[in-house]
C-alpha cells in the first residue's frame, strides 16, 4: 500500500549556522572552534606508524589501532560528511567531554550522523576490556590520529597556527573534532 505524503507538512527545522555551532563549542570551554569542510582534513597512512611504534596503547584499546578505522577507512567515511567542527580545548583531557557533548547536541539538532573524535586514547576504564567488549561504547571514541588524521596539517589547512612536531595523542594536542554532515 502506497501512502500519498504530499499533504503532510514537513516541520521546519532550524539548521544552526556555522557561527552558532562555533559559539556552542566555545560555550563548553573551547579555546577556539571552527566549522571546516571535510575535504580539508588531511589523512595519511603514515600516522598509524606513529601509533604502532610510539604509543603504549596500540592494540590495547578499542579506540586505538588496529581497532579504530585506518586512514583508508576514514577516507571512505569522510565521503558521508561535508562538514565537521574542529575544536581546541585548554587541555587534551577536556576534549572527550566537549566533543561528546557536541555530538549529542548536534544529533538532537537533526545532525543524525554526528560523530566525535578525541585527542587522547580512551581512559574511561582502568584497564581496557578489549578482550571482552567495551564497557562504555556511548563514550569511547577514537582519536584523530588513530583514524589516520594528520592533525598538524589539518589545523594548518584550516588557518590555525601549525603545531607540528608534537607527539600524537599527547597532552600537547588538545584538538578534537565532530563530524557533522
C-alpha atoms as a PDB file:
ATOM      1  CA  UNK A   1       0.000   0.000   0.000  1.00  0.00           C
ATOM      2  CA  UNK A   2       1.426   3.360  -1.061  1.00  0.00           C
ATOM      3  CA  UNK A   3       0.617   6.383   1.067  1.00  0.00           C
ATOM      4  CA  UNK A   4       0.389   9.803  -0.522  1.00  0.00           C
ATOM      5  CA  UNK A   5       2.602  12.018   1.636  1.00  0.00           C
ATOM      6  CA  UNK A   6       2.127  15.232  -0.337  1.00  0.00           C
ATOM      7  CA  UNK A   7      -0.433  16.621   2.102  1.00  0.00           C
ATOM      8  CA  UNK A   8       1.848  16.166   5.123  1.00  0.00           C
ATOM      9  CA  UNK A   9       3.822  19.263   6.009  1.00  0.00           C
ATOM     10  CA  UNK A  10       7.426  18.903   6.945  1.00  0.00           C
ATOM     11  CA  UNK A  11       8.168  20.530  10.256  1.00  0.00           C
ATOM     12  CA  UNK A  12      10.571  23.384   9.635  1.00  0.00           C
ATOM     13  CA  UNK A  13      13.787  22.578  11.404  1.00  0.00           C
ATOM     14  CA  UNK A  14      16.239  25.349  12.023  1.00  0.00           C
ATOM     15  CA  UNK A  15      19.662  24.255  10.875  1.00  0.00           C
ATOM     16  CA  UNK A  16      22.195  26.043  13.048  1.00  0.00           C
ATOM     17  CA  UNK A  17      24.563  28.406  11.299  1.00  0.00           C
ATOM     18  CA  UNK A  18      28.318  27.816  11.435  1.00  0.00           C
ATOM     19  CA  UNK A  19      28.540  30.752  13.838  1.00  0.00           C
ATOM     20  CA  UNK A  20      26.003  29.130  16.185  1.00  0.00           C
ATOM     21  CA  UNK A  21      27.875  25.812  16.073  1.00  0.00           C
ATOM     22  CA  UNK A  22      31.142  27.563  16.954  1.00  0.00           C
ATOM     23  CA  UNK A  23      29.517  29.583  19.742  1.00  0.00           C
ATOM     24  CA  UNK A  24      28.141  26.381  21.230  1.00  0.00           C
ATOM     25  CA  UNK A  25      31.613  24.800  21.250  1.00  0.00           C
ATOM     26  CA  UNK A  26      33.165  27.902  22.806  1.00  0.00           C
ATOM     27  CA  UNK A  27      30.444  27.945  25.491  1.00  0.00           C
ATOM     28  CA  UNK A  28      31.655  24.457  26.512  1.00  0.00           C
ATOM     29  CA  UNK A  29      35.157  25.775  27.157  1.00  0.00           C
ATOM     30  CA  UNK A  30      36.926  25.536  23.803  1.00  0.00           C
ATOM     31  CA  UNK A  31      39.826  27.903  23.248  1.00  0.00           C
ATOM     32  CA  UNK A  32      38.710  28.040  19.635  1.00  0.00           C
ATOM     33  CA  UNK A  33      36.443  26.200  17.254  1.00  0.00           C
ATOM     34  CA  UNK A  34      35.832  26.291  13.535  1.00  0.00           C
ATOM     35  CA  UNK A  35      33.408  24.621  11.157  1.00  0.00           C
ATOM     36  CA  UNK A  36      35.516  23.102   8.398  1.00  0.00           C
ATOM     37  CA  UNK A  37      34.927  21.262   5.164  1.00  0.00           C
ATOM     38  CA  UNK A  38      35.850  17.590   5.409  1.00  0.00           C
ATOM     39  CA  UNK A  39      37.842  17.892   2.198  1.00  0.00           C
ATOM     40  CA  UNK A  40      40.371  19.950   4.241  1.00  0.00           C
ATOM     41  CA  UNK A  41      41.023  17.027   6.606  1.00  0.00           C
ATOM     42  CA  UNK A  42      44.453  15.607   5.852  1.00  0.00           C
ATOM     43  CA  UNK A  43      44.813  11.830   6.090  1.00  0.00           C
ATOM     44  CA  UNK A  44      47.932   9.711   5.945  1.00  0.00           C
ATOM     45  CA  UNK A  45      48.693   6.042   6.271  1.00  0.00           C
ATOM     46  CA  UNK A  46      51.972   7.043   7.951  1.00  0.00           C
ATOM     47  CA  UNK A  47      50.076   8.322  11.011  1.00  0.00           C
ATOM     48  CA  UNK A  48      49.417   4.707  12.081  1.00  0.00           C
ATOM     49  CA  UNK A  49      53.177   4.143  12.241  1.00  0.00           C
ATOM     50  CA  UNK A  50      53.449   6.761  14.961  1.00  0.00           C
ATOM     51  CA  UNK A  51      50.740   4.916  16.899  1.00  0.00           C
ATOM     52  CA  UNK A  52      52.253   1.488  16.281  1.00  0.00           C
ATOM     53  CA  UNK A  53      55.823   2.494  17.066  1.00  0.00           C
ATOM     54  CA  UNK A  54      55.419   5.145  19.686  1.00  0.00           C
ATOM     55  CA  UNK A  55      52.253   4.654  21.700  1.00  0.00           C
ATOM     56  CA  UNK A  56      51.876   2.106  24.506  1.00  0.00           C
ATOM     57  CA  UNK A  57      48.149   1.805  23.778  1.00  0.00           C
ATOM     58  CA  UNK A  58      48.499   0.399  20.249  1.00  0.00           C
ATOM     59  CA  UNK A  59      46.437  -2.805  20.152  1.00  0.00           C
ATOM     60  CA  UNK A  60      45.460  -2.308  23.788  1.00  0.00           C
ATOM     61  CA  UNK A  61      42.366  -0.082  23.466  1.00  0.00           C
ATOM     62  CA  UNK A  62      39.218  -0.249  21.348  1.00  0.00           C
ATOM     63  CA  UNK A  63      39.787   3.378  20.403  1.00  0.00           C
ATOM     64  CA  UNK A  64      43.296   2.763  19.077  1.00  0.00           C
ATOM     65  CA  UNK A  65      44.675   0.950  16.034  1.00  0.00           C
ATOM     66  CA  UNK A  66      44.134  -1.697  14.855  1.00  0.00           C
ATOM     67  CA  UNK A  67      40.581  -1.492  16.272  1.00  0.00           C
ATOM     68  CA  UNK A  68      39.928   2.065  15.051  1.00  0.00           C
ATOM     69  CA  UNK A  69      39.254   2.969  11.420  1.00  0.00           C
ATOM     70  CA  UNK A  70      42.511   3.329   9.483  1.00  0.00           C
ATOM     71  CA  UNK A  71      43.263   6.150   7.042  1.00  0.00           C
ATOM     72  CA  UNK A  72      41.743   4.291   4.074  1.00  0.00           C
ATOM     73  CA  UNK A  73      38.555   3.521   6.000  1.00  0.00           C
ATOM     74  CA  UNK A  74      38.396   7.088   7.304  1.00  0.00           C
ATOM     75  CA  UNK A  75      38.746   8.369   3.763  1.00  0.00           C
ATOM     76  CA  UNK A  76      35.622   6.398   2.845  1.00  0.00           C
ATOM     77  CA  UNK A  77      33.777   7.531   5.983  1.00  0.00           C
ATOM     78  CA  UNK A  78      34.527  11.184   5.233  1.00  0.00           C
ATOM     79  CA  UNK A  79      32.683  10.819   1.925  1.00  0.00           C
ATOM     80  CA  UNK A  80      29.478  10.660   4.015  1.00  0.00           C
ATOM     81  CA  UNK A  81      30.207  14.083   5.515  1.00  0.00           C
ATOM     82  CA  UNK A  82      30.657  17.572   4.134  1.00  0.00           C
ATOM     83  CA  UNK A  83      31.406  19.472   7.329  1.00  0.00           C
ATOM     84  CA  UNK A  84      32.939  18.991  10.735  1.00  0.00           C
ATOM     85  CA  UNK A  85      33.716  21.213  13.679  1.00  0.00           C
ATOM     86  CA  UNK A  86      37.357  21.336  14.697  1.00  0.00           C
ATOM     87  CA  UNK A  87      37.936  22.301  18.318  1.00  0.00           C
ATOM     88  CA  UNK A  88      40.857  23.189  20.528  1.00  0.00           C
ATOM     89  CA  UNK A  89      40.361  22.792  24.269  1.00  0.00           C
ATOM     90  CA  UNK A  90      42.559  24.237  27.022  1.00  0.00           C
ATOM     91  CA  UNK A  91      43.740  20.697  27.866  1.00  0.00           C
ATOM     92  CA  UNK A  92      43.613  17.395  25.999  1.00  0.00           C
ATOM     93  CA  UNK A  93      41.755  15.731  28.896  1.00  0.00           C
ATOM     94  CA  UNK A  94      38.829  18.116  28.292  1.00  0.00           C
ATOM     95  CA  UNK A  95      38.404  17.220  24.628  1.00  0.00           C
ATOM     96  CA  UNK A  96      36.457  13.998  25.139  1.00  0.00           C
ATOM     97  CA  UNK A  97      33.788  15.638  27.289  1.00  0.00           C
ATOM     98  CA  UNK A  98      33.425  18.562  24.907  1.00  0.00           C
ATOM     99  CA  UNK A  99      33.165  16.546  21.685  1.00  0.00           C
ATOM    100  CA  UNK A 100      30.775  14.014  23.230  1.00  0.00           C
ATOM    101  CA  UNK A 101      28.521  16.827  24.431  1.00  0.00           C
ATOM    102  CA  UNK A 102      28.653  18.449  21.000  1.00  0.00           C
ATOM    103  CA  UNK A 103      27.939  15.116  19.292  1.00  0.00           C
ATOM    104  CA  UNK A 104      24.819  14.624  21.426  1.00  0.00           C
ATOM    105  CA  UNK A 105      23.634  18.195  20.943  1.00  0.00           C
ATOM    106  CA  UNK A 106      24.169  18.037  17.185  1.00  0.00           C
ATOM    107  CA  UNK A 107      22.212  14.787  16.971  1.00  0.00           C
ATOM    108  CA  UNK A 108      19.379  16.492  18.848  1.00  0.00           C
ATOM    109  CA  UNK A 109      19.509  19.304  16.269  1.00  0.00           C
ATOM    110  CA  UNK A 110      18.977  16.856  13.414  1.00  0.00           C
ATOM    111  CA  UNK A 111      22.581  16.014  12.515  1.00  0.00           C
ATOM    112  CA  UNK A 112      21.937  12.282  12.938  1.00  0.00           C
ATOM    113  CA  UNK A 113      25.366  11.313  11.562  1.00  0.00           C
ATOM    114  CA  UNK A 114      27.306  13.411  14.105  1.00  0.00           C
ATOM    115  CA  UNK A 115      30.356  11.542  15.373  1.00  0.00           C
ATOM    116  CA  UNK A 116      33.060  12.715  17.781  1.00  0.00           C
ATOM    117  CA  UNK A 117      36.817  12.136  17.556  1.00  0.00           C
ATOM    118  CA  UNK A 118      39.079  12.738  20.562  1.00  0.00           C
ATOM    119  CA  UNK A 119      42.590  13.916  21.337  1.00  0.00           C
ATOM    120  CA  UNK A 120      43.990  11.160  23.542  1.00  0.00           C
ATOM    121  CA  UNK A 121      43.405   7.418  23.892  1.00  0.00           C
ATOM    122  CA  UNK A 122      40.334   6.467  25.896  1.00  0.00           C
ATOM    123  CA  UNK A 123      40.866   6.229  29.640  1.00  0.00           C
ATOM    124  CA  UNK A 124      37.322   5.502  30.790  1.00  0.00           C
ATOM    125  CA  UNK A 125      38.356   2.162  32.293  1.00  0.00           C
ATOM    126  CA  UNK A 126      41.393   1.483  34.444  1.00  0.00           C
ATOM    127  CA  UNK A 127      42.169  -1.452  32.162  1.00  0.00           C
ATOM    128  CA  UNK A 128      40.551  -1.597  28.721  1.00  0.00           C
ATOM    129  CA  UNK A 129      38.212  -4.530  28.275  1.00  0.00           C
ATOM    130  CA  UNK A 130      39.379  -5.152  24.733  1.00  0.00           C
ATOM    131  CA  UNK A 131      39.366  -8.905  25.416  1.00  0.00           C
ATOM    132  CA  UNK A 132      35.625  -8.872  26.081  1.00  0.00           C
ATOM    133  CA  UNK A 133      33.739  -5.777  24.967  1.00  0.00           C
ATOM    134  CA  UNK A 134      33.755  -2.058  25.556  1.00  0.00           C
ATOM    135  CA  UNK A 135      32.094  -1.084  28.818  1.00  0.00           C
ATOM    136  CA  UNK A 136      31.437   2.494  27.591  1.00  0.00           C
ATOM    137  CA  UNK A 137      30.512   2.385  23.876  1.00  0.00           C
ATOM    138  CA  UNK A 138      28.411   5.512  24.396  1.00  0.00           C
ATOM    139  CA  UNK A 139      31.512   7.486  25.438  1.00  0.00           C
ATOM    140  CA  UNK A 140      34.523   5.755  23.867  1.00  0.00           C
ATOM    141  CA  UNK A 141      35.665   7.458  20.662  1.00  0.00           C
ATOM    142  CA  UNK A 142      38.823   7.009  18.606  1.00  0.00           C
ATOM    143  CA  UNK A 143      41.454   9.664  18.459  1.00  0.00           C
ATOM    144  CA  UNK A 144      42.006  11.780  15.382  1.00  0.00           C
ATOM    145  CA  UNK A 145      45.423  10.176  14.892  1.00  0.00           C
ATOM    146  CA  UNK A 146      44.091   6.629  15.364  1.00  0.00           C
ATOM    147  CA  UNK A 147      41.901   7.285  12.318  1.00  0.00           C
ATOM    148  CA  UNK A 148      44.881   8.448  10.256  1.00  0.00           C
ATOM    149  CA  UNK A 149      44.174  12.173  10.575  1.00  0.00           C
ATOM    150  CA  UNK A 150      47.267  14.358  10.278  1.00  0.00           C
ATOM    151  CA  UNK A 151      46.338  16.898  12.950  1.00  0.00           C
ATOM    152  CA  UNK A 152      49.081  19.496  12.273  1.00  0.00           C
ATOM    153  CA  UNK A 153      48.292  19.550   8.547  1.00  0.00           C
ATOM    154  CA  UNK A 154      44.522  19.635   9.127  1.00  0.00           C
ATOM    155  CA  UNK A 155      44.790  22.557  11.546  1.00  0.00           C
ATOM    156  CA  UNK A 156      47.149  24.345   9.131  1.00  0.00           C
ATOM    157  CA  UNK A 157      44.754  23.674   6.210  1.00  0.00           C
ATOM    158  CA  UNK A 158      42.089  25.479   8.196  1.00  0.00           C
ATOM    159  CA  UNK A 159      44.053  28.595   9.037  1.00  0.00           C
ATOM    160  CA  UNK A 160      45.269  27.680  12.500  1.00  0.00           C
ATOM    161  CA  UNK A 161      48.887  28.005  13.513  1.00  0.00           C
ATOM    162  CA  UNK A 162      50.804  24.811  12.838  1.00  0.00           C
ATOM    163  CA  UNK A 163      51.504  22.684  15.877  1.00  0.00           C
ATOM    164  CA  UNK A 164      53.913  20.380  14.111  1.00  0.00           C
ATOM    165  CA  UNK A 165      56.496  18.390  15.964  1.00  0.00           C
ATOM    166  CA  UNK A 166      54.191  17.437  18.817  1.00  0.00           C
ATOM    167  CA  UNK A 167      53.704  13.848  19.847  1.00  0.00           C
ATOM    168  CA  UNK A 168      50.442  12.307  18.590  1.00  0.00           C
ATOM    169  CA  UNK A 169      47.741  11.602  21.181  1.00  0.00           C
ATOM    170  CA  UNK A 170      49.586  13.552  23.846  1.00  0.00           C
ATOM    171  CA  UNK A 171      48.583  16.246  26.291  1.00  0.00           C
ATOM    172  CA  UNK A 172      50.191  18.741  23.901  1.00  0.00           C
ATOM    173  CA  UNK A 173      47.435  18.132  21.332  1.00  0.00           C
ATOM    174  CA  UNK A 174      44.177  19.401  22.770  1.00  0.00           C
ATOM    175  CA  UNK A 175      42.314  19.008  19.471  1.00  0.00           C
ATOM    176  CA  UNK A 176      39.097  17.187  18.728  1.00  0.00           C
ATOM    177  CA  UNK A 177      36.511  17.067  16.007  1.00  0.00           C
ATOM    178  CA  UNK A 178      32.869  16.274  15.472  1.00  0.00           C
ATOM    179  CA  UNK A 179      31.886  15.122  12.015  1.00  0.00           C
ATOM    180  CA  UNK A 180      28.536  16.789  11.341  1.00  0.00           C
ATOM    181  CA  UNK A 181      27.041  16.141   7.911  1.00  0.00           C
END
